[in-house]
Amino acid sequence: MGNSLVYAAVNTKIRAMEGDFLTAADYKNMLQKHSVPELARYLKDNTHYAEFLKDVDVEKISRRELEEIFRRRIISDLDRLIYYFKRGYKDFVRSLYLKYEIADIKHLARLIFNGSKPQDFSQSLTFIGKYSRLQPEKLFAAASIRDLITSMEGSEFYPFVKPLLDGRRENLFRFEMVLDMGYFSMINQMREKVSGTDYKILQFWEGTVADLYNIQWIYRGKKFYRLLPEELLNYTLEFGEELSFTKRKALCYAANLEEFYELVQSTGYQFLFKKNQTQDIYMERRINRYIYHLLKALNRKYPMTIIQTICYVWFLEYEIKDIFAICESIRYRITPEEARRFLVRAF
């Protein structure tokens, strides 16, 4: 089956699934809720999440339980989309969800680091081993970060974490960093399995996302972790749309944040740093909103390509991020007007 026929089928399926996304009215109603159970009740009574909340007592639900329910929706939707793809394209679509395995691995690492027993939490780590070659039983038996790394041998992640076993760099921070780098490296490698227009779109898309995350990482590394320039550069993604190695190096070796800001102003990403606004609170939201609108533009321009599937995957993730942003606004008693500033979708 040619790509045009594949995308005709998958896009029809995606349009039907997009009908389950929350509406602007849903967002406004959720912002008026005063507790997580009240928010969960609204989702159960008025939205597609009813399918996943039907057997749940929403009056007693916790944020962690709600997160687990949303994970089930992600898995359900991914399984429905992967069905339409063959060979290399199937591998690429599956790789998009490795980020959720990585999130579970990082959560598991924090449990181990804090002295908890991973076996007690194995049921809530639903993604580990679902789309990769990880063997969950080995990971759950780990008693240290070193054990966790060795238990990943044979998986897609192992080449990235193996260097940490040299005895000098085995710690939680570096473990999480190399996993994040590994994810984007694997996505970049998977691009080789698609062809034609899909390849070119992915090259632009992945490069832009890499640029944004590199700027965010370098900024945080300088401000919060006080890392040396060479270490900052070592943890940057080695590809990008606008930021060449020379530009990334210049950002890493900027003498101070003022010089860093000036260098960013010469790129297409100056919107990340606005004068007289708190950078740290809103940076991630700015990145997510930029990606959201970029995807919508690509979606309109290239309707019969892989970007349609990427849009669905990321838009579902953003919807869930927004739900939890609203949960946090409820927790900290933030007004609906202020809470809107933390949402990816503007309405």
C-alpha atoms as a PDB file:
ATOM      1  CA  MET A   1       0.000   0.000   0.000  1.00  0.00           C
ATOM      2  CA  GLY A   2       1.422   3.398  -1.019  1.00  0.00           C
ATOM      3  CA  ASN A   3       1.922   6.246   1.425  1.00  0.00           C
ATOM      4  CA  SER A   4      -1.062   8.205   0.091  1.00  0.00           C
ATOM      5  CA  LEU A   5      -3.408   5.288   0.785  1.00  0.00           C
ATOM      6  CA  VAL A   6      -1.848   4.690   4.210  1.00  0.00           C
ATOM      7  CA  TYR A   7      -2.284   8.329   5.189  1.00  0.00           C
ATOM      8  CA  ALA A   8      -5.822   8.443   3.821  1.00  0.00           C
ATOM      9  CA  ALA A   9      -6.668   5.616   6.223  1.00  0.00           C
ATOM     10  CA  VAL A  10      -4.679   6.788   9.223  1.00  0.00           C
ATOM     11  CA  ASN A  11      -5.801  10.414   8.875  1.00  0.00           C
ATOM     12  CA  THR A  12      -9.431   9.329   8.828  1.00  0.00           C
ATOM     13  CA  LYS A  13      -8.793   7.422  12.042  1.00  0.00           C
ATOM     14  CA  ILE A  14      -6.965  10.396  13.581  1.00  0.00           C
ATOM     15  CA  ARG A  15      -9.805  12.792  12.753  1.00  0.00           C
ATOM     16  CA  ALA A  16     -12.218  10.463  14.522  1.00  0.00           C
ATOM     17  CA  MET A  17      -9.916  10.209  17.559  1.00  0.00           C
ATOM     18  CA  GLU A  18      -9.431  13.986  17.630  1.00  0.00           C
ATOM     19  CA  GLY A  19     -13.161  14.247  18.207  1.00  0.00           C
ATOM     20  CA  ASP A  20     -12.433  13.016  21.737  1.00  0.00           C
ATOM     21  CA  PHE A  21     -10.144  15.943  22.554  1.00  0.00           C
ATOM     22  CA  LEU A  22     -11.356  18.379  25.192  1.00  0.00           C
ATOM     23  CA  THR A  23     -13.131  21.491  23.942  1.00  0.00           C
ATOM     24  CA  ALA A  24     -12.614  25.114  24.969  1.00  0.00           C
ATOM     25  CA  ALA A  25     -15.791  24.785  27.030  1.00  0.00           C
ATOM     26  CA  ASP A  26     -14.286  21.777  28.837  1.00  0.00           C
ATOM     27  CA  TYR A  27     -11.188  23.828  29.686  1.00  0.00           C
ATOM     28  CA  LYS A  28     -13.286  26.690  31.063  1.00  0.00           C
ATOM     29  CA  ASN A  29     -15.369  24.298  33.149  1.00  0.00           C
ATOM     30  CA  MET A  30     -12.314  22.496  34.530  1.00  0.00           C
ATOM     31  CA  LEU A  31     -10.785  25.798  35.601  1.00  0.00           C
ATOM     32  CA  GLN A  32     -13.809  26.400  37.815  1.00  0.00           C
ATOM     33  CA  LYS A  33     -13.293  23.202  39.842  1.00  0.00           C
ATOM     34  CA  HIS A  34     -12.002  23.336  43.408  1.00  0.00           C
ATOM     35  CA  SER A  35     -10.532  19.851  43.967  1.00  0.00           C
ATOM     36  CA  VAL A  36      -8.984  16.965  42.025  1.00  0.00           C
ATOM     37  CA  PRO A  37     -12.012  14.688  42.731  1.00  0.00           C
ATOM     38  CA  GLU A  38     -14.321  17.428  41.442  1.00  0.00           C
ATOM     39  CA  LEU A  39     -12.210  17.738  38.293  1.00  0.00           C
ATOM     40  CA  ALA A  40     -12.180  13.953  37.848  1.00  0.00           C
ATOM     41  CA  ARG A  41     -15.972  13.888  38.251  1.00  0.00           C
ATOM     42  CA  TYR A  42     -16.309  16.420  35.444  1.00  0.00           C
ATOM     43  CA  LEU A  43     -14.056  14.353  33.178  1.00  0.00           C
ATOM     44  CA  LYS A  44     -16.025  11.202  33.991  1.00  0.00           C
ATOM     45  CA  ASP A  45     -19.442  12.753  33.413  1.00  0.00           C
ATOM     46  CA  ASN A  46     -18.739  14.959  30.410  1.00  0.00           C
ATOM     47  CA  THR A  47     -15.748  13.778  28.364  1.00  0.00           C
ATOM     48  CA  HIS A  48     -14.209  10.817  26.590  1.00  0.00           C
ATOM     49  CA  TYR A  49     -12.190  10.079  29.734  1.00  0.00           C
ATOM     50  CA  ALA A  50     -15.375   8.454  31.040  1.00  0.00           C
ATOM     51  CA  GLU A  51     -14.220   5.280  29.264  1.00  0.00           C
ATOM     52  CA  PHE A  52     -11.142   5.133  31.487  1.00  0.00           C
ATOM     53  CA  LEU A  53     -12.808   6.382  34.684  1.00  0.00           C
ATOM     54  CA  LYS A  54     -15.902   4.164  34.591  1.00  0.00           C
ATOM     55  CA  ASP A  55     -14.669   1.785  37.303  1.00  0.00           C
ATOM     56  CA  VAL A  56     -13.028   4.466  39.438  1.00  0.00           C
ATOM     57  CA  ASP A  57     -14.368   6.120  42.579  1.00  0.00           C
ATOM     58  CA  VAL A  58     -13.523   9.687  41.575  1.00  0.00           C
ATOM     59  CA  GLU A  59     -14.364  11.012  45.044  1.00  0.00           C
ATOM     60  CA  LYS A  60     -11.273   9.249  46.412  1.00  0.00           C
ATOM     61  CA  ILE A  61      -8.969   9.578  43.426  1.00  0.00           C
ATOM     62  CA  SER A  62      -5.438  10.943  43.833  1.00  0.00           C
ATOM     63  CA  ARG A  63      -3.330  12.807  41.314  1.00  0.00           C
ATOM     64  CA  ARG A  64      -1.110   9.737  40.864  1.00  0.00           C
ATOM     65  CA  GLU A  65      -4.137   7.536  40.137  1.00  0.00           C
ATOM     66  CA  LEU A  66      -5.427  10.067  37.636  1.00  0.00           C
ATOM     67  CA  GLU A  67      -2.021  10.057  35.941  1.00  0.00           C
ATOM     68  CA  GLU A  68      -2.130   6.277  35.663  1.00  0.00           C
ATOM     69  CA  ILE A  69      -5.560   6.459  34.013  1.00  0.00           C
ATOM     70  CA  PHE A  70      -4.268   8.902  31.441  1.00  0.00           C
ATOM     71  CA  ARG A  71      -1.374   6.573  30.731  1.00  0.00           C
ATOM     72  CA  ARG A  72      -3.911   3.904  29.781  1.00  0.00           C
ATOM     73  CA  ARG A  73      -5.454   6.288  27.274  1.00  0.00           C
ATOM     74  CA  ILE A  74      -2.052   6.974  25.725  1.00  0.00           C
ATOM     75  CA  ILE A  75      -1.373   3.239  25.352  1.00  0.00           C
ATOM     76  CA  SER A  76      -4.837   2.625  23.905  1.00  0.00           C
ATOM     77  CA  ASP A  77      -4.474   5.381  21.330  1.00  0.00           C
ATOM     78  CA  LEU A  78      -0.954   4.388  20.329  1.00  0.00           C
ATOM     79  CA  ASP A  79      -1.986   0.802  19.720  1.00  0.00           C
ATOM     80  CA  ARG A  80      -4.768   2.005  17.436  1.00  0.00           C
ATOM     81  CA  LEU A  81      -2.402   4.192  15.387  1.00  0.00           C
ATOM     82  CA  ILE A  82       0.495   1.752  15.051  1.00  0.00           C
ATOM     83  CA  TYR A  83      -1.867  -0.727  13.370  1.00  0.00           C
ATOM     84  CA  TYR A  84      -1.901   1.367  10.179  1.00  0.00           C
ATOM     85  CA  PHE A  85       1.869   1.436   9.619  1.00  0.00           C
ATOM     86  CA  LYS A  86       4.297  -1.120   8.243  1.00  0.00           C
ATOM     87  CA  ARG A  87       8.010  -1.858   8.629  1.00  0.00           C
ATOM     88  CA  GLY A  88      10.186   1.220   9.201  1.00  0.00           C
ATOM     89  CA  TYR A  89       7.236   3.544   9.636  1.00  0.00           C
ATOM     90  CA  LYS A  90       5.846   1.318  12.364  1.00  0.00           C
ATOM     91  CA  ASP A  91       9.225   1.431  14.116  1.00  0.00           C
ATOM     92  CA  PHE A  92       9.291   5.218  13.903  1.00  0.00           C
ATOM     93  CA  VAL A  93       5.780   5.694  15.317  1.00  0.00           C
ATOM     94  CA  ARG A  94       6.527   3.246  18.119  1.00  0.00           C
ATOM     95  CA  SER A  95       9.713   5.146  18.960  1.00  0.00           C
ATOM     96  CA  LEU A  96       7.702   8.322  19.634  1.00  0.00           C
ATOM     97  CA  TYR A  97       6.413   6.689  22.790  1.00  0.00           C
ATOM     98  CA  LEU A  98       9.806   5.691  24.138  1.00  0.00           C
ATOM     99  CA  LYS A  99       9.661   9.003  26.012  1.00  0.00           C
ATOM    100  CA  TYR A 100       7.028   7.502  28.288  1.00  0.00           C
ATOM    101  CA  GLU A 101       9.209   4.493  29.007  1.00  0.00           C
ATOM    102  CA  ILE A 102      12.011   6.900  29.831  1.00  0.00           C
ATOM    103  CA  ALA A 103       9.724   8.800  32.203  1.00  0.00           C
ATOM    104  CA  ASP A 104       8.974   5.514  34.008  1.00  0.00           C
ATOM    105  CA  ILE A 105      12.652   4.553  34.106  1.00  0.00           C
ATOM    106  CA  LYS A 106      13.537   7.925  35.637  1.00  0.00           C
ATOM    107  CA  HIS A 107      10.750   7.547  38.196  1.00  0.00           C
ATOM    108  CA  LEU A 108      12.047   4.066  39.033  1.00  0.00           C
ATOM    109  CA  ALA A 109      15.582   5.461  39.404  1.00  0.00           C
ATOM    110  CA  ARG A 110      14.344   8.095  41.870  1.00  0.00           C
ATOM    111  CA  LEU A 111      12.577   5.407  43.909  1.00  0.00           C
ATOM    112  CA  ILE A 112      15.785   3.366  44.053  1.00  0.00           C
ATOM    113  CA  PHE A 113      17.857   6.443  44.875  1.00  0.00           C
ATOM    114  CA  ASN A 114      15.494   7.302  47.749  1.00  0.00           C
ATOM    115  CA  GLY A 115      15.584   3.780  49.160  1.00  0.00           C
ATOM    116  CA  SER A 116      12.115   2.582  48.117  1.00  0.00           C
ATOM    117  CA  LYS A 117      11.439  -0.930  46.885  1.00  0.00           C
ATOM    118  CA  PRO A 118      10.740  -0.818  43.124  1.00  0.00           C
ATOM    119  CA  GLN A 119       8.620  -3.974  43.322  1.00  0.00           C
ATOM    120  CA  ASP A 120       6.042  -2.063  45.352  1.00  0.00           C
ATOM    121  CA  PHE A 121       5.489   0.360  42.460  1.00  0.00           C
ATOM    122  CA  SER A 122       5.783  -1.984  39.489  1.00  0.00           C
ATOM    123  CA  GLN A 123       2.052  -1.816  38.683  1.00  0.00           C
ATOM    124  CA  SER A 124       2.199   1.962  38.207  1.00  0.00           C
ATOM    125  CA  LEU A 125       5.193   1.818  35.847  1.00  0.00           C
ATOM    126  CA  THR A 126       3.090   0.636  32.930  1.00  0.00           C
ATOM    127  CA  PHE A 127       5.330   1.664  30.036  1.00  0.00           C
ATOM    128  CA  ILE A 128       8.556  -0.107  30.978  1.00  0.00           C
ATOM    129  CA  GLY A 129       9.194  -2.795  28.385  1.00  0.00           C
ATOM    130  CA  LYS A 130       6.061  -2.103  26.337  1.00  0.00           C
ATOM    131  CA  TYR A 131       7.758  -0.610  23.271  1.00  0.00           C
ATOM    132  CA  SER A 132      11.413  -1.428  23.951  1.00  0.00           C
ATOM    133  CA  ARG A 133      13.522  -4.490  24.681  1.00  0.00           C
ATOM    134  CA  LEU A 134      13.696  -3.743  28.403  1.00  0.00           C
ATOM    135  CA  GLN A 135      12.949  -6.640  30.738  1.00  0.00           C
ATOM    136  CA  PRO A 136      10.833  -5.131  33.563  1.00  0.00           C
ATOM    137  CA  GLU A 137      11.515  -7.927  36.072  1.00  0.00           C
ATOM    138  CA  LYS A 138      15.242  -7.184  35.895  1.00  0.00           C
ATOM    139  CA  LEU A 139      14.740  -3.460  36.382  1.00  0.00           C
ATOM    140  CA  PHE A 140      12.413  -3.949  39.355  1.00  0.00           C
ATOM    141  CA  ALA A 141      15.051  -6.144  41.040  1.00  0.00           C
ATOM    142  CA  ALA A 142      17.659  -3.347  40.936  1.00  0.00           C
ATOM    143  CA  ALA A 143      18.929  -2.116  44.314  1.00  0.00           C
ATOM    144  CA  SER A 144      21.095   0.749  43.043  1.00  0.00           C
ATOM    145  CA  ILE A 145      21.468   3.032  40.031  1.00  0.00           C
ATOM    146  CA  ARG A 146      24.387   0.847  38.938  1.00  0.00           C
ATOM    147  CA  ASP A 147      22.168  -2.255  39.122  1.00  0.00           C
ATOM    148  CA  LEU A 148      19.513  -0.406  37.127  1.00  0.00           C
ATOM    149  CA  ILE A 149      22.012   0.445  34.404  1.00  0.00           C
ATOM    150  CA  THR A 150      23.305  -3.126  34.092  1.00  0.00           C
ATOM    151  CA  SER A 151      19.725  -4.469  34.025  1.00  0.00           C
ATOM    152  CA  MET A 152      19.142  -2.414  30.853  1.00  0.00           C
ATOM    153  CA  GLU A 153      21.742  -4.366  28.871  1.00  0.00           C
ATOM    154  CA  GLY A 154      20.365  -5.545  25.539  1.00  0.00           C
ATOM    155  CA  SER A 155      17.885  -2.683  25.259  1.00  0.00           C
ATOM    156  CA  GLU A 156      17.890   0.395  23.030  1.00  0.00           C
ATOM    157  CA  PHE A 157      18.812   2.500  26.060  1.00  0.00           C
ATOM    158  CA  TYR A 158      21.891   0.610  27.164  1.00  0.00           C
ATOM    159  CA  PRO A 159      24.449   2.209  24.782  1.00  0.00           C
ATOM    160  CA  PHE A 160      23.557   5.605  26.258  1.00  0.00           C
ATOM    161  CA  VAL A 161      23.713   4.645  29.944  1.00  0.00           C
ATOM    162  CA  LYS A 162      26.631   2.177  29.762  1.00  0.00           C
ATOM    163  CA  PRO A 163      29.346   4.914  29.921  1.00  0.00           C
ATOM    164  CA  LEU A 164      28.031   5.844  33.380  1.00  0.00           C
ATOM    165  CA  LEU A 165      29.447   2.577  34.699  1.00  0.00           C
ATOM    166  CA  ASP A 166      32.985   3.947  34.542  1.00  0.00           C
ATOM    167  CA  GLY A 167      32.694   4.714  38.275  1.00  0.00           C
ATOM    168  CA  ARG A 168      32.997   8.482  38.023  1.00  0.00           C
ATOM    169  CA  ARG A 169      29.684   9.514  36.512  1.00  0.00           C
ATOM    170  CA  GLU A 170      27.161   7.167  38.064  1.00  0.00           C
ATOM    171  CA  ASN A 171      24.553   9.407  39.681  1.00  0.00           C
ATOM    172  CA  LEU A 172      20.879  10.207  39.317  1.00  0.00           C
ATOM    173  CA  PHE A 173      21.316  13.531  37.538  1.00  0.00           C
ATOM    174  CA  ARG A 174      23.584  12.168  34.809  1.00  0.00           C
ATOM    175  CA  PHE A 175      21.454   9.040  34.477  1.00  0.00           C
ATOM    176  CA  GLU A 176      18.386  11.150  33.702  1.00  0.00           C
ATOM    177  CA  MET A 177      20.319  13.427  31.340  1.00  0.00           C
ATOM    178  CA  VAL A 178      21.727  10.618  29.196  1.00  0.00           C
ATOM    179  CA  LEU A 179      18.271   9.020  28.943  1.00  0.00           C
ATOM    180  CA  ASP A 180      16.804  12.272  27.618  1.00  0.00           C
ATOM    181  CA  MET A 181      19.666  12.614  25.151  1.00  0.00           C
ATOM    182  CA  GLY A 182      19.226   8.992  24.176  1.00  0.00           C
ATOM    183  CA  TYR A 183      15.556   9.490  23.364  1.00  0.00           C
ATOM    184  CA  PHE A 184      16.181  12.271  20.877  1.00  0.00           C
ATOM    185  CA  SER A 185      19.138  10.419  19.395  1.00  0.00           C
ATOM    186  CA  MET A 186      16.947   7.365  18.819  1.00  0.00           C
ATOM    187  CA  ILE A 187      14.207   9.480  17.231  1.00  0.00           C
ATOM    188  CA  ASN A 188      16.811  11.069  14.984  1.00  0.00           C
ATOM    189  CA  GLN A 189      18.098   7.632  13.970  1.00  0.00           C
ATOM    190  CA  MET A 190      14.568   6.380  13.307  1.00  0.00           C
ATOM    191  CA  ARG A 191      14.112   9.164  10.756  1.00  0.00           C
ATOM    192  CA  GLU A 192      16.343   7.110   8.454  1.00  0.00           C
ATOM    193  CA  LYS A 193      13.497   4.576   8.214  1.00  0.00           C
ATOM    194  CA  VAL A 194      11.116   6.996   6.468  1.00  0.00           C
ATOM    195  CA  SER A 195      11.460   8.497   3.022  1.00  0.00           C
ATOM    196  CA  GLY A 196      10.721  11.400   0.710  1.00  0.00           C
ATOM    197  CA  THR A 197       8.697  14.303   2.058  1.00  0.00           C
ATOM    198  CA  ASP A 198       8.305  12.563   5.415  1.00  0.00           C
ATOM    199  CA  TYR A 199      12.086  12.545   5.867  1.00  0.00           C
ATOM    200  CA  LYS A 200      12.418  16.262   5.083  1.00  0.00           C
ATOM    201  CA  ILE A 201       9.562  17.239   7.393  1.00  0.00           C
ATOM    202  CA  LEU A 202      10.993  15.175  10.234  1.00  0.00           C
ATOM    203  CA  GLN A 203      14.442  16.653   9.710  1.00  0.00           C
ATOM    204  CA  PHE A 204      13.006  20.156  10.143  1.00  0.00           C
ATOM    205  CA  TRP A 205      10.676  19.186  12.983  1.00  0.00           C
ATOM    206  CA  GLU A 206      13.227  17.229  15.014  1.00  0.00           C
ATOM    207  CA  GLY A 207      15.889  19.880  14.448  1.00  0.00           C
ATOM    208  CA  THR A 208      13.617  22.642  15.727  1.00  0.00           C
ATOM    209  CA  VAL A 209      12.666  20.666  18.839  1.00  0.00           C
ATOM    210  CA  ALA A 210      16.353  19.878  19.472  1.00  0.00           C
ATOM    211  CA  ASP A 211      17.202  23.597  19.216  1.00  0.00           C
ATOM    212  CA  LEU A 212      14.545  24.530  21.760  1.00  0.00           C
ATOM    213  CA  TYR A 213      15.552  21.847  24.246  1.00  0.00           C
ATOM    214  CA  ASN A 214      19.255  22.662  23.844  1.00  0.00           C
ATOM    215  CA  ILE A 215      18.631  26.321  24.680  1.00  0.00           C
ATOM    216  CA  GLN A 216      16.525  25.346  27.684  1.00  0.00           C
ATOM    217  CA  TRP A 217      19.163  22.878  28.889  1.00  0.00           C
ATOM    218  CA  ILE A 218      22.079  25.296  28.508  1.00  0.00           C
ATOM    219  CA  TYR A 219      20.153  28.039  30.316  1.00  0.00           C
ATOM    220  CA  ARG A 220      19.228  25.779  33.231  1.00  0.00           C
ATOM    221  CA  GLY A 221      22.672  24.241  33.341  1.00  0.00           C
ATOM    222  CA  LYS A 222      24.229  27.670  33.679  1.00  0.00           C
ATOM    223  CA  LYS A 223      21.731  29.143  36.125  1.00  0.00           C
ATOM    224  CA  PHE A 224      20.873  26.246  38.427  1.00  0.00           C
ATOM    225  CA  TYR A 225      23.595  23.600  38.104  1.00  0.00           C
ATOM    226  CA  ARG A 226      26.642  25.838  37.573  1.00  0.00           C
ATOM    227  CA  LEU A 227      28.078  23.298  35.140  1.00  0.00           C
ATOM    228  CA  LEU A 228      31.294  23.861  33.265  1.00  0.00           C
ATOM    229  CA  PRO A 229      30.934  24.869  29.587  1.00  0.00           C
ATOM    230  CA  GLU A 230      32.457  21.620  28.316  1.00  0.00           C
ATOM    231  CA  GLU A 231      30.000  19.574  30.377  1.00  0.00           C
ATOM    232  CA  LEU A 232      27.076  21.658  29.134  1.00  0.00           C
ATOM    233  CA  LEU A 233      28.193  21.085  25.550  1.00  0.00           C
ATOM    234  CA  ASN A 234      28.646  17.379  26.176  1.00  0.00           C
ATOM    235  CA  TYR A 235      24.970  17.054  27.144  1.00  0.00           C
ATOM    236  CA  THR A 236      23.537  18.981  24.194  1.00  0.00           C
ATOM    237  CA  LEU A 237      21.795  17.175  21.355  1.00  0.00           C
ATOM    238  CA  GLU A 238      24.200  16.851  18.451  1.00  0.00           C
ATOM    239  CA  PHE A 239      21.783  18.002  15.755  1.00  0.00           C
ATOM    240  CA  GLY A 240      19.492  20.942  15.182  1.00  0.00           C
ATOM    241  CA  GLU A 241      17.713  23.081  12.611  1.00  0.00           C
ATOM    242  CA  GLU A 242      19.381  26.424  13.337  1.00  0.00           C
ATOM    243  CA  LEU A 243      21.875  25.787  16.118  1.00  0.00           C
ATOM    244  CA  SER A 244      25.045  24.368  14.605  1.00  0.00           C
ATOM    245  CA  PHE A 245      27.812  22.959  16.780  1.00  0.00           C
ATOM    246  CA  THR A 246      29.535  26.358  16.645  1.00  0.00           C
ATOM    247  CA  LYS A 247      26.430  28.157  17.895  1.00  0.00           C
ATOM    248  CA  ARG A 248      25.787  25.592  20.625  1.00  0.00           C
ATOM    249  CA  LYS A 249      29.391  25.909  21.753  1.00  0.00           C
ATOM    250  CA  ALA A 250      29.128  29.700  21.879  1.00  0.00           C
ATOM    251  CA  LEU A 251      26.017  29.451  24.073  1.00  0.00           C
ATOM    252  CA  CYS A 252      27.738  26.988  26.414  1.00  0.00           C
ATOM    253  CA  TYR A 253      30.851  29.131  26.733  1.00  0.00           C
ATOM    254  CA  ALA A 254      28.990  32.426  27.252  1.00  0.00           C
ATOM    255  CA  ALA A 255      30.674  34.203  30.175  1.00  0.00           C
ATOM    256  CA  ASN A 256      27.381  34.905  31.955  1.00  0.00           C
ATOM    257  CA  LEU A 257      23.614  34.828  31.466  1.00  0.00           C
ATOM    258  CA  GLU A 258      23.592  38.335  29.973  1.00  0.00           C
ATOM    259  CA  GLU A 259      25.924  37.221  27.184  1.00  0.00           C
ATOM    260  CA  PHE A 260      23.851  34.043  26.785  1.00  0.00           C
ATOM    261  CA  TYR A 261      20.669  36.137  26.339  1.00  0.00           C
ATOM    262  CA  GLU A 262      22.398  38.282  23.708  1.00  0.00           C
ATOM    263  CA  LEU A 263      23.435  35.208  21.734  1.00  0.00           C
ATOM    264  CA  VAL A 264      19.899  33.784  21.837  1.00  0.00           C
ATOM    265  CA  GLN A 265      18.567  37.121  20.519  1.00  0.00           C
ATOM    266  CA  SER A 266      20.474  36.489  17.291  1.00  0.00           C
ATOM    267  CA  THR A 267      18.529  33.249  16.690  1.00  0.00           C
ATOM    268  CA  GLY A 268      14.908  32.596  15.836  1.00  0.00           C
ATOM    269  CA  TYR A 269      14.228  31.625  19.450  1.00  0.00           C
ATOM    270  CA  GLN A 270      14.475  35.007  21.168  1.00  0.00           C
ATOM    271  CA  PHE A 271      10.843  34.682  22.294  1.00  0.00           C
ATOM    272  CA  LEU A 272      12.031  32.298  25.036  1.00  0.00           C
ATOM    273  CA  PHE A 273      13.429  35.221  27.005  1.00  0.00           C
ATOM    274  CA  LYS A 274      11.117  38.183  27.451  1.00  0.00           C
ATOM    275  CA  LYS A 275      12.132  41.256  29.376  1.00  0.00           C
ATOM    276  CA  ASN A 276      10.495  41.900  32.740  1.00  0.00           C
ATOM    277  CA  GLN A 277       9.025  38.389  32.907  1.00  0.00           C
ATOM    278  CA  THR A 278      10.103  35.447  35.037  1.00  0.00           C
ATOM    279  CA  GLN A 279      11.973  33.146  32.663  1.00  0.00           C
ATOM    280  CA  ASP A 280      11.949  29.975  34.742  1.00  0.00           C
ATOM    281  CA  ILE A 281       8.196  29.695  35.255  1.00  0.00           C
ATOM    282  CA  TYR A 282       7.123  30.314  31.686  1.00  0.00           C
ATOM    283  CA  MET A 283       9.967  28.923  29.573  1.00  0.00           C
ATOM    284  CA  GLU A 284       8.575  25.403  29.282  1.00  0.00           C
ATOM    285  CA  ARG A 285       5.135  26.776  28.446  1.00  0.00           C
ATOM    286  CA  ARG A 286       6.637  29.019  25.736  1.00  0.00           C
ATOM    287  CA  ILE A 287       8.462  26.036  24.249  1.00  0.00           C
ATOM    288  CA  ASN A 288       5.333  23.894  24.303  1.00  0.00           C
ATOM    289  CA  ARG A 289       3.174  26.617  22.787  1.00  0.00           C
ATOM    290  CA  TYR A 290       5.714  27.242  20.047  1.00  0.00           C
ATOM    291  CA  ILE A 291       5.795  23.522  19.235  1.00  0.00           C
ATOM    292  CA  TYR A 292       1.998  23.343  19.380  1.00  0.00           C
ATOM    293  CA  HIS A 293       1.518  26.134  16.845  1.00  0.00           C
ATOM    294  CA  LEU A 294       4.391  24.906  14.665  1.00  0.00           C
ATOM    295  CA  LEU A 295       2.731  21.497  14.487  1.00  0.00           C
ATOM    296  CA  LYS A 296      -0.611  23.032  13.548  1.00  0.00           C
ATOM    297  CA  ALA A 297       1.081  24.969  10.736  1.00  0.00           C
ATOM    298  CA  LEU A 298       2.884  21.857   9.454  1.00  0.00           C
ATOM    299  CA  ASN A 299      -0.356  19.916   9.744  1.00  0.00           C
ATOM    300  CA  ARG A 300      -2.096  22.358   7.406  1.00  0.00           C
ATOM    301  CA  LYS A 301       0.816  22.498   4.948  1.00  0.00           C
ATOM    302  CA  TYR A 302       1.506  18.753   4.703  1.00  0.00           C
ATOM    303  CA  PRO A 303      -1.828  16.958   5.186  1.00  0.00           C
ATOM    304  CA  MET A 304      -0.800  13.595   3.731  1.00  0.00           C
ATOM    305  CA  THR A 305       2.397  12.979   5.652  1.00  0.00           C
ATOM    306  CA  ILE A 306       3.719  11.563   8.917  1.00  0.00           C
ATOM    307  CA  ILE A 307       3.219  14.957  10.591  1.00  0.00           C
ATOM    308  CA  GLN A 308      -0.482  14.174  11.075  1.00  0.00           C
ATOM    309  CA  THR A 309       0.403  11.289  13.376  1.00  0.00           C
ATOM    310  CA  ILE A 310       3.018  13.338  15.241  1.00  0.00           C
ATOM    311  CA  CYS A 311       0.431  16.071  15.769  1.00  0.00           C
ATOM    312  CA  TYR A 312      -1.992  13.643  17.354  1.00  0.00           C
ATOM    313  CA  VAL A 313       0.648  12.158  19.649  1.00  0.00           C
ATOM    314  CA  TRP A 314       1.888  15.558  20.860  1.00  0.00           C
ATOM    315  CA  PHE A 315      -1.561  17.179  21.089  1.00  0.00           C
ATOM    316  CA  LEU A 316      -2.800  14.356  23.303  1.00  0.00           C
ATOM    317  CA  GLU A 317       0.264  14.805  25.497  1.00  0.00           C
ATOM    318  CA  TYR A 318      -0.371  18.553  25.701  1.00  0.00           C
ATOM    319  CA  GLU A 319      -3.996  17.980  26.656  1.00  0.00           C
ATOM    320  CA  ILE A 320      -2.880  15.777  29.538  1.00  0.00           C
ATOM    321  CA  LYS A 321      -0.229  18.328  30.539  1.00  0.00           C
ATOM    322  CA  ASP A 322      -2.966  20.958  30.644  1.00  0.00           C
ATOM    323  CA  ILE A 323      -5.204  18.805  32.831  1.00  0.00           C
ATOM    324  CA  PHE A 324      -2.391  18.422  35.337  1.00  0.00           C
ATOM    325  CA  ALA A 325      -1.572  22.124  35.125  1.00  0.00           C
ATOM    326  CA  ILE A 326      -5.179  22.727  36.159  1.00  0.00           C
ATOM    327  CA  CYS A 327      -4.768  20.162  38.959  1.00  0.00           C
ATOM    328  CA  GLU A 328      -1.758  22.128  40.211  1.00  0.00           C
ATOM    329  CA  SER A 329      -3.652  25.413  39.985  1.00  0.00           C
ATOM    330  CA  ILE A 330      -6.384  23.865  42.152  1.00  0.00           C
ATOM    331  CA  ARG A 331      -3.807  22.625  44.636  1.00  0.00           C
ATOM    332  CA  TYR A 332      -2.191  26.047  45.001  1.00  0.00           C
ATOM    333  CA  ARG A 333      -5.486  27.966  44.779  1.00  0.00           C
ATOM    334  CA  ILE A 334      -4.485  29.858  41.662  1.00  0.00           C
ATOM    335  CA  THR A 335      -7.240  31.852  39.985  1.00  0.00           C
ATOM    336  CA  PRO A 336      -8.561  30.622  36.608  1.00  0.00           C
ATOM    337  CA  GLU A 337      -7.173  33.738  34.929  1.00  0.00           C
ATOM    338  CA  GLU A 338      -3.671  33.078  36.260  1.00  0.00           C
ATOM    339  CA  ALA A 339      -3.931  29.316  35.608  1.00  0.00           C
ATOM    340  CA  ARG A 340      -4.533  29.978  31.897  1.00  0.00           C
ATOM    341  CA  ARG A 341      -0.996  31.319  31.652  1.00  0.00           C
ATOM    342  CA  PHE A 342       0.375  27.856  32.354  1.00  0.00           C
ATOM    343  CA  LEU A 343      -1.692  26.030  29.711  1.00  0.00           C
ATOM    344  CA  VAL A 344      -0.390  24.960  26.312  1.00  0.00           C
ATOM    345  CA  ARG A 345      -3.713  25.471  24.565  1.00  0.00           C
ATOM    346  CA  ALA A 346      -4.899  29.073  24.599  1.00  0.00           C
ATOM    347  CA  PHE A 347      -8.622  29.758  24.346  1.00  0.00           C
END
